[in-house]
PDB file of N, CA and C in Angstrom:
ATOM      1  N   MET A   1     -50.810  47.249  -4.756  1.00  0.00           N
ATOM      2  CA  MET A   1     -51.552  46.531  -3.730  1.00  0.00           C
ATOM      3  C   MET A   1     -51.232  47.545  -3.032  1.00  0.00           C
ATOM      4  N   ILE A   2     -53.097  48.052  -2.104  1.00  0.00           N
ATOM      5  CA  ILE A   2     -52.755  48.482  -1.352  1.00  0.00           C
ATOM      6  C   ILE A   2     -53.220  47.728   0.140  1.00  0.00           C
ATOM      7  N   LEU A   3     -52.313  48.670   1.303  1.00  0.00           N
ATOM      8  CA  LEU A   3     -52.660  48.356   2.252  1.00  0.00           C
ATOM      9  C   LEU A   3     -52.602  48.892   3.022  1.00  0.00           C
ATOM     10  N   ARG A   4     -53.636  49.059   4.603  1.00  0.00           N
ATOM     11  CA  ARG A   4     -53.882  50.028   5.619  1.00  0.00           C
ATOM     12  C   ARG A   4     -53.538  49.768   6.786  1.00  0.00           C
ATOM     13  N   ASN A   5     -53.311  50.366   7.014  1.00  0.00           N
ATOM     14  CA  ASN A   5     -52.395  50.185   8.141  1.00  0.00           C
ATOM     15  C   ASN A   5     -54.082  50.673  10.023  1.00  0.00           C
ATOM     16  N   ASN A   6     -53.560  50.677  11.417  1.00  0.00           N
ATOM     17  CA  ASN A   6     -54.403  50.435  11.535  1.00  0.00           C
ATOM     18  C   ASN A   6     -55.254  51.737  12.089  1.00  0.00           C
ATOM     19  N   LYS A   7     -55.194  52.325  11.290  1.00  0.00           N
ATOM     20  CA  LYS A   7     -55.796  54.172  11.624  1.00  0.00           C
ATOM     21  C   LYS A   7     -56.528  54.076  10.095  1.00  0.00           C
ATOM     22  N   GLY A   8     -56.520  53.388   9.545  1.00  0.00           N
ATOM     23  CA  GLY A   8     -56.972  53.509   8.326  1.00  0.00           C
ATOM     24  C   GLY A   8     -56.232  54.484   6.895  1.00  0.00           C
ATOM     25  N   THR A   9     -55.358  54.484   7.194  1.00  0.00           N
ATOM     26  CA  THR A   9     -54.422  54.949   5.862  1.00  0.00           C
ATOM     27  C   THR A   9     -54.294  54.057   4.968  1.00  0.00           C
ATOM     28  N   GLU A  10     -54.797  54.276   4.025  1.00  0.00           N
ATOM     29  CA  GLU A  10     -54.119  53.198   2.137  1.00  0.00           C
ATOM     30  C   GLU A  10     -52.244  54.011   2.061  1.00  0.00           C
ATOM     31  N   ARG A  11     -51.781  52.879   1.886  1.00  0.00           N
ATOM     32  CA  ARG A  11     -50.672  53.534   1.328  1.00  0.00           C
ATOM     33  C   ARG A  11     -50.331  52.119   0.026  1.00  0.00           C
ATOM     34  N   ASP A  12     -50.262  52.430  -1.732  1.00  0.00           N
ATOM     35  CA  ASP A  12     -49.373  51.308  -2.333  1.00  0.00           C
ATOM     36  C   ASP A  12     -48.560  50.923  -2.856  1.00  0.00           C
ATOM     37  N   PHE A  13     -48.518  49.876  -2.492  1.00  0.00           N
ATOM     38  CA  PHE A  13     -47.193  49.085  -2.805  1.00  0.00           C
ATOM     39  C   PHE A  13     -46.666  47.774  -3.527  1.00  0.00           C
ATOM     40  N   ASP A  14     -45.878  47.913  -4.045  1.00  0.00           N
ATOM     41  CA  ASP A  14     -45.724  46.725  -5.159  1.00  0.00           C
ATOM     42  C   ASP A  14     -44.938  45.950  -4.871  1.00  0.00           C
ATOM     43  N   ILE A  15     -45.687  44.293  -4.971  1.00  0.00           N
ATOM     44  CA  ILE A  15     -45.115  43.312  -4.228  1.00  0.00           C
ATOM     45  C   ILE A  15     -43.818  42.887  -4.594  1.00  0.00           C
ATOM     46  N   LEU A  16     -42.215  42.514  -3.915  1.00  0.00           N
ATOM     47  CA  LEU A  16     -41.362  41.983  -5.062  1.00  0.00           C
ATOM     48  C   LEU A  16     -41.069  40.383  -4.984  1.00  0.00           C
ATOM     49  N   PHE A  17     -41.530  40.163  -3.578  1.00  0.00           N
ATOM     50  CA  PHE A  17     -41.514  38.855  -3.766  1.00  0.00           C
ATOM     51  C   PHE A  17     -42.422  38.310  -2.301  1.00  0.00           C
ATOM     52  N   GLU A  18     -42.704  37.171  -2.512  1.00  0.00           N
ATOM     53  CA  GLU A  18     -43.929  36.446  -1.188  1.00  0.00           C
ATOM     54  C   GLU A  18     -42.537  34.995  -1.064  1.00  0.00           C
ATOM     55  N   VAL A  19     -43.117  34.630   0.301  1.00  0.00           N
ATOM     56  CA  VAL A  19     -42.175  33.610   0.751  1.00  0.00           C
ATOM     57  C   VAL A  19     -42.827  32.484   1.785  1.00  0.00           C
ATOM     58  N   GLU A  20     -43.043  30.952   1.070  1.00  0.00           N
ATOM     59  CA  GLU A  20     -43.787  30.411   1.967  1.00  0.00           C
ATOM     60  C   GLU A  20     -42.463  29.438   2.670  1.00  0.00           C
ATOM     61  N   LYS A  21     -42.645  29.633   4.361  1.00  0.00           N
ATOM     62  CA  LYS A  21     -42.043  28.625   5.341  1.00  0.00           C
ATOM     63  C   LYS A  21     -43.325  27.976   6.806  1.00  0.00           C
ATOM     64  N   ASN A  22     -43.055  26.394   6.286  1.00  0.00           N
ATOM     65  CA  ASN A  22     -43.543  26.166   8.223  1.00  0.00           C
ATOM     66  C   ASN A  22     -45.130  26.837   7.740  1.00  0.00           C
ATOM     67  N   ASN A  23     -45.786  26.651   6.988  1.00  0.00           N
ATOM     68  CA  ASN A  23     -46.888  27.248   7.042  1.00  0.00           C
ATOM     69  C   ASN A  23     -47.393  28.694   6.924  1.00  0.00           C
ATOM     70  N   LYS A  24     -46.709  29.419   6.954  1.00  0.00           N
ATOM     71  CA  LYS A  24     -46.212  30.881   7.162  1.00  0.00           C
ATOM     72  C   LYS A  24     -46.079  31.821   5.787  1.00  0.00           C
ATOM     73  N   LYS A  25     -46.754  32.850   5.860  1.00  0.00           N
ATOM     74  CA  LYS A  25     -46.497  33.314   4.296  1.00  0.00           C
ATOM     75  C   LYS A  25     -45.573  34.925   4.593  1.00  0.00           C
ATOM     76  N   TYR A  26     -44.564  35.349   4.159  1.00  0.00           N
ATOM     77  CA  TYR A  26     -43.753  36.337   3.943  1.00  0.00           C
ATOM     78  C   TYR A  26     -44.111  36.941   3.174  1.00  0.00           C
ATOM     79  N   VAL A  27     -44.492  38.393   3.412  1.00  0.00           N
ATOM     80  CA  VAL A  27     -44.180  39.349   2.085  1.00  0.00           C
ATOM     81  C   VAL A  27     -42.997  40.078   2.180  1.00  0.00           C
ATOM     82  N   ILE A  28     -42.716  40.308   1.009  1.00  0.00           N
ATOM     83  CA  ILE A  28     -41.290  41.791   0.535  1.00  0.00           C
ATOM     84  C   ILE A  28     -42.112  42.345  -0.344  1.00  0.00           C
ATOM     85  N   TYR A  29     -42.190  44.334   0.099  1.00  0.00           N
ATOM     86  CA  TYR A  29     -42.643  44.352  -0.634  1.00  0.00           C
ATOM     87  C   TYR A  29     -42.235  46.671  -0.903  1.00  0.00           C
ATOM     88  N   LYS A  30     -42.746  47.049  -1.819  1.00  0.00           N
ATOM     89  CA  LYS A  30     -41.818  48.253  -2.354  1.00  0.00           C
ATOM     90  C   LYS A  30     -42.956  49.076  -1.650  1.00  0.00           C
ATOM     91  N   ASP A  31     -42.292  49.988  -1.167  1.00  0.00           N
ATOM     92  CA  ASP A  31     -43.320  51.584  -0.935  1.00  0.00           C
ATOM     93  C   ASP A  31     -43.079  52.085  -2.210  1.00  0.00           C
ATOM     94  N   ARG A  32     -44.830  52.585  -2.702  1.00  0.00           N
ATOM     95  CA  ARG A  32     -44.149  53.444  -3.974  1.00  0.00           C
ATOM     96  C   ARG A  32     -43.928  54.986  -4.399  1.00  0.00           C
ATOM     97  N   LEU A  33     -44.277  55.959  -3.027  1.00  0.00           N
ATOM     98  CA  LEU A  33     -43.949  56.874  -2.451  1.00  0.00           C
ATOM     99  C   LEU A  33     -41.813  56.593  -2.393  1.00  0.00           C
ATOM    100  N   THR A  34     -41.959  56.049  -1.340  1.00  0.00           N
ATOM    101  CA  THR A  34     -40.774  56.257  -1.086  1.00  0.00           C
ATOM    102  C   THR A  34     -39.605  55.276  -1.127  1.00  0.00           C
ATOM    103  N   GLU A  35     -40.317  54.616  -1.758  1.00  0.00           N
ATOM    104  CA  GLU A  35     -38.607  53.553  -2.427  1.00  0.00           C
ATOM    105  C   GLU A  35     -38.705  52.590  -1.269  1.00  0.00           C
ATOM    106  N   ASN A  36     -38.797  52.743   0.101  1.00  0.00           N
ATOM    107  CA  ASN A  36     -38.710  52.189   1.335  1.00  0.00           C
ATOM    108  C   ASN A  36     -39.198  50.697   0.863  1.00  0.00           C
ATOM    109  N   ILE A  37     -37.914  49.285   1.166  1.00  0.00           N
ATOM    110  CA  ILE A  37     -38.847  48.235   0.715  1.00  0.00           C
ATOM    111  C   ILE A  37     -38.859  47.666   2.427  1.00  0.00           C
ATOM    112  N   TYR A  38     -40.215  46.953   2.858  1.00  0.00           N
ATOM    113  CA  TYR A  38     -40.712  46.660   4.195  1.00  0.00           C
ATOM    114  C   TYR A  38     -40.660  44.949   3.852  1.00  0.00           C
ATOM    115  N   GLY A  39     -41.175  44.390   4.873  1.00  0.00           N
ATOM    116  CA  GLY A  39     -42.059  43.430   4.909  1.00  0.00           C
ATOM    117  C   GLY A  39     -42.430  42.515   6.398  1.00  0.00           C
ATOM    118  N   GLY A  40     -43.756  41.985   6.481  1.00  0.00           N
ATOM    119  CA  GLY A  40     -43.948  41.230   7.222  1.00  0.00           C
ATOM    120  C   GLY A  40     -44.740  40.240   6.641  1.00  0.00           C
ATOM    121  N   ARG A  41     -45.615  39.249   7.631  1.00  0.00           N
ATOM    122  CA  ARG A  41     -46.198  38.205   7.882  1.00  0.00           C
ATOM    123  C   ARG A  41     -47.356  38.108   7.442  1.00  0.00           C
ATOM    124  N   LEU A  42     -48.028  37.916   7.320  1.00  0.00           N
ATOM    125  CA  LEU A  42     -49.433  38.079   6.332  1.00  0.00           C
ATOM    126  C   LEU A  42     -50.320  36.175   6.562  1.00  0.00           C
ATOM    127  N   GLU A  43     -51.329  36.971   8.137  1.00  0.00           N
ATOM    128  CA  GLU A  43     -51.735  36.418   8.459  1.00  0.00           C
ATOM    129  C   GLU A  43     -53.394  36.866   8.507  1.00  0.00           C
ATOM    130  N   GLU A  44     -54.429  36.355   8.047  1.00  0.00           N
ATOM    131  CA  GLU A  44     -55.556  36.523   8.157  1.00  0.00           C
ATOM    132  C   GLU A  44     -56.118  37.159   7.032  1.00  0.00           C
ATOM    133  N   ASP A  45     -54.926  37.938   5.749  1.00  0.00           N
ATOM    134  CA  ASP A  45     -55.484  39.391   5.280  1.00  0.00           C
ATOM    135  C   ASP A  45     -54.846  40.681   6.260  1.00  0.00           C
ATOM    136  N   LYS A  46     -54.108  40.285   6.579  1.00  0.00           N
ATOM    137  CA  LYS A  46     -53.610  41.421   7.299  1.00  0.00           C
ATOM    138  C   LYS A  46     -51.621  41.314   7.880  1.00  0.00           C
ATOM    139  N   LEU A  47     -51.315  42.723   7.246  1.00  0.00           N
ATOM    140  CA  LEU A  47     -50.101  42.118   7.479  1.00  0.00           C
ATOM    141  C   LEU A  47     -49.220  42.238   9.432  1.00  0.00           C
ATOM    142  N   LYS A  48     -48.598  41.081   9.672  1.00  0.00           N
ATOM    143  CA  LYS A  48     -47.902  41.719  10.925  1.00  0.00           C
ATOM    144  C   LYS A  48     -46.156  41.865  11.282  1.00  0.00           C
ATOM    145  N   VAL A  49     -46.079  42.233  11.814  1.00  0.00           N
ATOM    146  CA  VAL A  49     -44.349  42.520  11.972  1.00  0.00           C
ATOM    147  C   VAL A  49     -43.529  41.670  12.257  1.00  0.00           C
ATOM    148  N   LEU A  50     -42.385  41.261  11.576  1.00  0.00           N
ATOM    149  CA  LEU A  50     -41.218  39.999  12.378  1.00  0.00           C
ATOM    150  C   LEU A  50     -40.962  39.658  13.264  1.00  0.00           C
ATOM    151  N   ASP A  51     -41.131  39.021  13.608  1.00  0.00           N
ATOM    152  CA  ASP A  51     -39.946  39.183  14.708  1.00  0.00           C
ATOM    153  C   ASP A  51     -38.906  38.412  14.682  1.00  0.00           C
ATOM    154  N   ASP A  52     -38.251  39.016  16.047  1.00  0.00           N
ATOM    155  CA  ASP A  52     -36.273  38.865  15.413  1.00  0.00           C
ATOM    156  C   ASP A  52     -35.780  37.671  14.501  1.00  0.00           C
ATOM    157  N   SER A  53     -36.690  36.126  14.716  1.00  0.00           N
ATOM    158  CA  SER A  53     -35.614  34.966  13.790  1.00  0.00           C
ATOM    159  C   SER A  53     -35.957  35.197  12.279  1.00  0.00           C
ATOM    160  N   GLU A  54     -37.780  35.533  12.271  1.00  0.00           N
ATOM    161  CA  GLU A  54     -38.211  35.770  11.246  1.00  0.00           C
ATOM    162  C   GLU A  54     -37.513  37.023   9.877  1.00  0.00           C
ATOM    163  N   PHE A  55     -37.091  37.430  11.195  1.00  0.00           N
ATOM    164  CA  PHE A  55     -36.810  38.753  10.527  1.00  0.00           C
ATOM    165  C   PHE A  55     -35.594  38.463   9.483  1.00  0.00           C
ATOM    166  N   GLU A  56     -34.735  38.076  10.654  1.00  0.00           N
ATOM    167  CA  GLU A  56     -32.899  37.201  10.376  1.00  0.00           C
ATOM    168  C   GLU A  56     -33.167  36.296   8.796  1.00  0.00           C
ATOM    169  N   PHE A  57     -34.628  35.301   9.303  1.00  0.00           N
ATOM    170  CA  PHE A  57     -34.807  34.478   8.033  1.00  0.00           C
ATOM    171  C   PHE A  57     -34.576  35.170   6.783  1.00  0.00           C
ATOM    172  N   ILE A  58     -35.657  36.291   6.455  1.00  0.00           N
ATOM    173  CA  ILE A  58     -36.005  37.204   4.908  1.00  0.00           C
ATOM    174  C   ILE A  58     -34.355  37.921   4.902  1.00  0.00           C
ATOM    175  N   ASN A  59     -33.999  38.424   5.646  1.00  0.00           N
ATOM    176  CA  ASN A  59     -32.662  38.872   5.394  1.00  0.00           C
ATOM    177  C   ASN A  59     -32.058  38.314   5.030  1.00  0.00           C
ATOM    178  N   ASN A  60     -31.734  37.091   5.263  1.00  0.00           N
ATOM    179  CA  ASN A  60     -29.893  36.026   4.792  1.00  0.00           C
ATOM    180  C   ASN A  60     -30.827  36.031   3.565  1.00  0.00           C
ATOM    181  N   MET A  61     -32.097  35.417   3.369  1.00  0.00           N
ATOM    182  CA  MET A  61     -32.738  35.614   1.505  1.00  0.00           C
ATOM    183  C   MET A  61     -31.942  36.583   0.613  1.00  0.00           C
ATOM    184  N   ILE A  62     -32.692  37.701   1.489  1.00  0.00           N
ATOM    185  CA  ILE A  62     -33.047  38.694   0.663  1.00  0.00           C
ATOM    186  C   ILE A  62     -31.016  38.619  -0.058  1.00  0.00           C
ATOM    187  N   GLU A  63     -30.270  38.446   1.304  1.00  0.00           N
ATOM    188  CA  GLU A  63     -28.705  38.450   0.811  1.00  0.00           C
ATOM    189  C   GLU A  63     -28.413  37.502  -0.079  1.00  0.00           C
ATOM    190  N   LYS A  64     -28.536  36.481  -0.055  1.00  0.00           N
ATOM    191  CA  LYS A  64     -28.228  35.318  -0.620  1.00  0.00           C
ATOM    192  C   LYS A  64     -28.832  35.766  -2.422  1.00  0.00           C
ATOM    193  N   LEU A  65     -30.237  36.109  -1.968  1.00  0.00           N
ATOM    194  CA  LEU A  65     -30.544  36.300  -4.131  1.00  0.00           C
ATOM    195  C   LEU A  65     -29.380  37.286  -4.508  1.00  0.00           C
ATOM    196  N   LYS A  66     -28.913  38.713  -3.954  1.00  0.00           N
ATOM    197  CA  LYS A  66     -28.064  39.812  -4.173  1.00  0.00           C
ATOM    198  C   LYS A  66     -27.261  39.020  -4.796  1.00  0.00           C
ATOM    199  N   GLY A  67     -26.520  37.548  -4.746  1.00  0.00           N
ATOM    200  CA  GLY A  67     -25.113  37.462  -4.967  1.00  0.00           C
ATOM    201  C   GLY A  67     -24.245  37.628  -4.140  1.00  0.00           C
TER     202      GLY A  67
END
């Protein structure tokens, strides 16, 4: 997947998983260059920054997946 920021810079990412909750779609993805993992809320084909409660929801989900 290729994502473009507001400045037009493109980065190549691997989608790790997608989650839907309350008609909102969340994407967790990994940067191929840095190997960092990021998350965002997908709205109108654009990734938005997570608010605190969304971040906590995604973080809790990842912790549960880790076992």
